[in-house]
């Protein structure tokens, strides 16, 4: 099955931007619907955005619409999360998820800290 590795996390000031890549390997990337989730300290994991196999259909959690953009490059087996106008409440560990039928795989997560 697919393995996922996130990167690109770090510390950024409020209003800043980050781009998180998630590289997939070990299986046919286009089999999978890809999503980004996040988990803030003391909170449950929540969905951020989802993109389907061809990249033509995307869904976002309401609070992230307009600030976050999910995309995928099927030639590079990579899904991205572009985050703009970051707020302190965006601080969380961001996880990449791959899903195909009953198969679901997660990456190890990458920490994003938004602070002045």
C-alpha atoms as a PDB file:
ATOM      1  CA  UNK A   1       0.000   0.000   0.000  1.00  0.00           C
ATOM      2  CA  UNK A   2       0.937   3.620  -0.309  1.00  0.00           C
ATOM      3  CA  UNK A   3       3.360   5.312   2.100  1.00  0.00           C
ATOM      4  CA  UNK A   4       3.121   9.023   2.791  1.00  0.00           C
ATOM      5  CA  UNK A   5       5.734  11.552   3.928  1.00  0.00           C
ATOM      6  CA  UNK A   6       4.764  15.118   4.788  1.00  0.00           C
ATOM      7  CA  UNK A   7       7.214  18.021   4.938  1.00  0.00           C
ATOM      8  CA  UNK A   8       7.239  21.807   4.836  1.00  0.00           C
ATOM      9  CA  UNK A   9       6.080  22.531   8.368  1.00  0.00           C
ATOM     10  CA  UNK A  10       7.693  25.119  10.583  1.00  0.00           C
ATOM     11  CA  UNK A  11       7.158  28.377  12.393  1.00  0.00           C
ATOM     12  CA  UNK A  12       5.574  31.356  10.670  1.00  0.00           C
ATOM     13  CA  UNK A  13       4.206  34.709  11.763  1.00  0.00           C
ATOM     14  CA  UNK A  14       0.496  35.515  11.555  1.00  0.00           C
ATOM     15  CA  UNK A  15      -0.402  36.516   8.003  1.00  0.00           C
ATOM     16  CA  UNK A  16       2.372  34.387   6.552  1.00  0.00           C
ATOM     17  CA  UNK A  17       2.221  31.461   4.154  1.00  0.00           C
ATOM     18  CA  UNK A  18       3.435  27.878   4.027  1.00  0.00           C
ATOM     19  CA  UNK A  19       3.249  25.141   1.438  1.00  0.00           C
ATOM     20  CA  UNK A  20       3.097  21.565   2.669  1.00  0.00           C
ATOM     21  CA  UNK A  21       4.008  18.750   0.270  1.00  0.00           C
ATOM     22  CA  UNK A  22       3.088  15.131   0.893  1.00  0.00           C
ATOM     23  CA  UNK A  23       5.036  12.621  -1.174  1.00  0.00           C
ATOM     24  CA  UNK A  24       3.477   9.225  -1.871  1.00  0.00           C
ATOM     25  CA  UNK A  25       5.244   5.996  -2.787  1.00  0.00           C
ATOM     26  CA  UNK A  26       4.619   2.287  -2.948  1.00  0.00           C
ATOM     27  CA  UNK A  27       1.400   2.221  -4.955  1.00  0.00           C
ATOM     28  CA  UNK A  28      -0.398   3.861  -7.867  1.00  0.00           C
ATOM     29  CA  UNK A  29      -0.973   7.408  -6.698  1.00  0.00           C
ATOM     30  CA  UNK A  30      -4.018   8.007  -8.878  1.00  0.00           C
ATOM     31  CA  UNK A  31      -5.917   5.231  -7.082  1.00  0.00           C
ATOM     32  CA  UNK A  32      -6.206   7.453  -4.049  1.00  0.00           C
ATOM     33  CA  UNK A  33      -8.320  10.349  -2.940  1.00  0.00           C
ATOM     34  CA  UNK A  34      -5.955  12.590  -0.971  1.00  0.00           C
ATOM     35  CA  UNK A  35      -6.789  14.734   2.017  1.00  0.00           C
ATOM     36  CA  UNK A  36      -5.131  16.982   4.538  1.00  0.00           C
ATOM     37  CA  UNK A  37      -6.191  16.848   8.170  1.00  0.00           C
ATOM     38  CA  UNK A  38      -4.890  18.689  11.172  1.00  0.00           C
ATOM     39  CA  UNK A  39      -4.856  18.207  14.925  1.00  0.00           C
ATOM     40  CA  UNK A  40      -4.350  21.101  17.299  1.00  0.00           C
ATOM     41  CA  UNK A  41      -3.181  20.537  20.880  1.00  0.00           C
ATOM     42  CA  UNK A  42      -6.012  19.155  22.970  1.00  0.00           C
ATOM     43  CA  UNK A  43      -8.383  18.917  20.025  1.00  0.00           C
ATOM     44  CA  UNK A  44      -9.634  16.180  17.735  1.00  0.00           C
ATOM     45  CA  UNK A  45      -8.249  15.672  14.275  1.00  0.00           C
ATOM     46  CA  UNK A  46     -10.255  17.586  11.663  1.00  0.00           C
ATOM     47  CA  UNK A  47     -10.433  17.574   7.897  1.00  0.00           C
ATOM     48  CA  UNK A  48      -8.849  20.514   6.110  1.00  0.00           C
ATOM     49  CA  UNK A  49      -9.260  19.698   2.423  1.00  0.00           C
ATOM     50  CA  UNK A  50      -9.782  16.801   0.007  1.00  0.00           C
ATOM     51  CA  UNK A  51      -8.891  16.327  -3.633  1.00  0.00           C
ATOM     52  CA  UNK A  52     -10.066  13.477  -5.840  1.00  0.00           C
ATOM     53  CA  UNK A  53      -7.990  11.339  -8.174  1.00  0.00           C
ATOM     54  CA  UNK A  54      -7.888  13.579 -11.229  1.00  0.00           C
ATOM     55  CA  UNK A  55      -7.667  16.776  -9.212  1.00  0.00           C
ATOM     56  CA  UNK A  56     -10.840  18.189 -10.709  1.00  0.00           C
ATOM     57  CA  UNK A  57     -12.923  17.991  -7.544  1.00  0.00           C
ATOM     58  CA  UNK A  58     -11.879  19.502  -4.232  1.00  0.00           C
ATOM     59  CA  UNK A  59     -13.583  20.075  -0.924  1.00  0.00           C
ATOM     60  CA  UNK A  60     -12.601  22.359   1.916  1.00  0.00           C
ATOM     61  CA  UNK A  61     -13.672  22.766   5.502  1.00  0.00           C
ATOM     62  CA  UNK A  62     -15.635  26.028   5.606  1.00  0.00           C
ATOM     63  CA  UNK A  63     -13.207  27.904   7.795  1.00  0.00           C
ATOM     64  CA  UNK A  64     -10.343  27.236   5.376  1.00  0.00           C
ATOM     65  CA  UNK A  65     -12.057  28.254   2.155  1.00  0.00           C
ATOM     66  CA  UNK A  66     -10.259  31.098   0.492  1.00  0.00           C
ATOM     67  CA  UNK A  67      -7.090  30.743   2.556  1.00  0.00           C
ATOM     68  CA  UNK A  68      -6.041  27.154   1.859  1.00  0.00           C
ATOM     69  CA  UNK A  69      -5.636  25.438  -1.499  1.00  0.00           C
ATOM     70  CA  UNK A  70      -5.148  21.717  -2.056  1.00  0.00           C
ATOM     71  CA  UNK A  71      -3.589  20.479  -5.271  1.00  0.00           C
ATOM     72  CA  UNK A  72      -1.923  17.358  -6.588  1.00  0.00           C
ATOM     73  CA  UNK A  73       0.735  16.569  -9.154  1.00  0.00           C
ATOM     74  CA  UNK A  74       0.063  13.011 -10.278  1.00  0.00           C
ATOM     75  CA  UNK A  75       3.307  12.937 -12.253  1.00  0.00           C
ATOM     76  CA  UNK A  76       5.244  13.603  -9.033  1.00  0.00           C
ATOM     77  CA  UNK A  77       3.010  11.500  -6.748  1.00  0.00           C
ATOM     78  CA  UNK A  78       2.628  14.509  -4.497  1.00  0.00           C
ATOM     79  CA  UNK A  79      -0.253  16.398  -2.928  1.00  0.00           C
ATOM     80  CA  UNK A  80       0.187  19.943  -1.674  1.00  0.00           C
ATOM     81  CA  UNK A  81      -1.506  22.232   0.803  1.00  0.00           C
ATOM     82  CA  UNK A  82      -0.907  25.921   0.196  1.00  0.00           C
ATOM     83  CA  UNK A  83      -1.788  27.919   3.299  1.00  0.00           C
ATOM     84  CA  UNK A  84      -2.062  31.704   3.149  1.00  0.00           C
ATOM     85  CA  UNK A  85      -3.029  34.374   5.682  1.00  0.00           C
ATOM     86  CA  UNK A  86      -2.161  32.015   8.502  1.00  0.00           C
ATOM     87  CA  UNK A  87      -3.638  32.611  11.936  1.00  0.00           C
ATOM     88  CA  UNK A  88      -2.484  31.440  15.371  1.00  0.00           C
ATOM     89  CA  UNK A  89      -5.479  29.088  15.439  1.00  0.00           C
ATOM     90  CA  UNK A  90      -4.016  27.289  12.430  1.00  0.00           C
ATOM     91  CA  UNK A  91      -1.276  25.948  14.706  1.00  0.00           C
ATOM     92  CA  UNK A  92      -1.477  22.150  14.533  1.00  0.00           C
ATOM     93  CA  UNK A  93       0.135  18.986  13.294  1.00  0.00           C
ATOM     94  CA  UNK A  94      -0.904  18.563   9.675  1.00  0.00           C
ATOM     95  CA  UNK A  95      -1.429  15.049   8.349  1.00  0.00           C
ATOM     96  CA  UNK A  96      -1.741  13.712   4.839  1.00  0.00           C
ATOM     97  CA  UNK A  97      -4.259  10.920   4.187  1.00  0.00           C
ATOM     98  CA  UNK A  98      -4.663   8.590   1.215  1.00  0.00           C
ATOM     99  CA  UNK A  99      -7.936   6.731   0.769  1.00  0.00           C
ATOM    100  CA  UNK A 100      -9.090   4.165  -1.759  1.00  0.00           C
ATOM    101  CA  UNK A 101     -12.092   2.012  -0.936  1.00  0.00           C
ATOM    102  CA  UNK A 102     -11.395   0.423   2.469  1.00  0.00           C
ATOM    103  CA  UNK A 103      -7.707   1.293   2.347  1.00  0.00           C
ATOM    104  CA  UNK A 104      -6.684   4.322   4.384  1.00  0.00           C
ATOM    105  CA  UNK A 105      -3.120   5.447   5.047  1.00  0.00           C
ATOM    106  CA  UNK A 106      -1.663   8.345   7.028  1.00  0.00           C
ATOM    107  CA  UNK A 107       1.637  10.143   7.072  1.00  0.00           C
ATOM    108  CA  UNK A 108       3.540  10.942  10.254  1.00  0.00           C
ATOM    109  CA  UNK A 109       2.494  14.595  10.290  1.00  0.00           C
ATOM    110  CA  UNK A 110       4.301  17.905  10.109  1.00  0.00           C
ATOM    111  CA  UNK A 111       4.028  20.644  12.734  1.00  0.00           C
ATOM    112  CA  UNK A 112       2.911  24.132  11.777  1.00  0.00           C
ATOM    113  CA  UNK A 113       3.240  26.851  14.400  1.00  0.00           C
ATOM    114  CA  UNK A 114       1.768  30.303  13.777  1.00  0.00           C
ATOM    115  CA  UNK A 115       3.019  32.800  16.314  1.00  0.00           C
ATOM    116  CA  UNK A 116       4.429  36.291  16.573  1.00  0.00           C
END
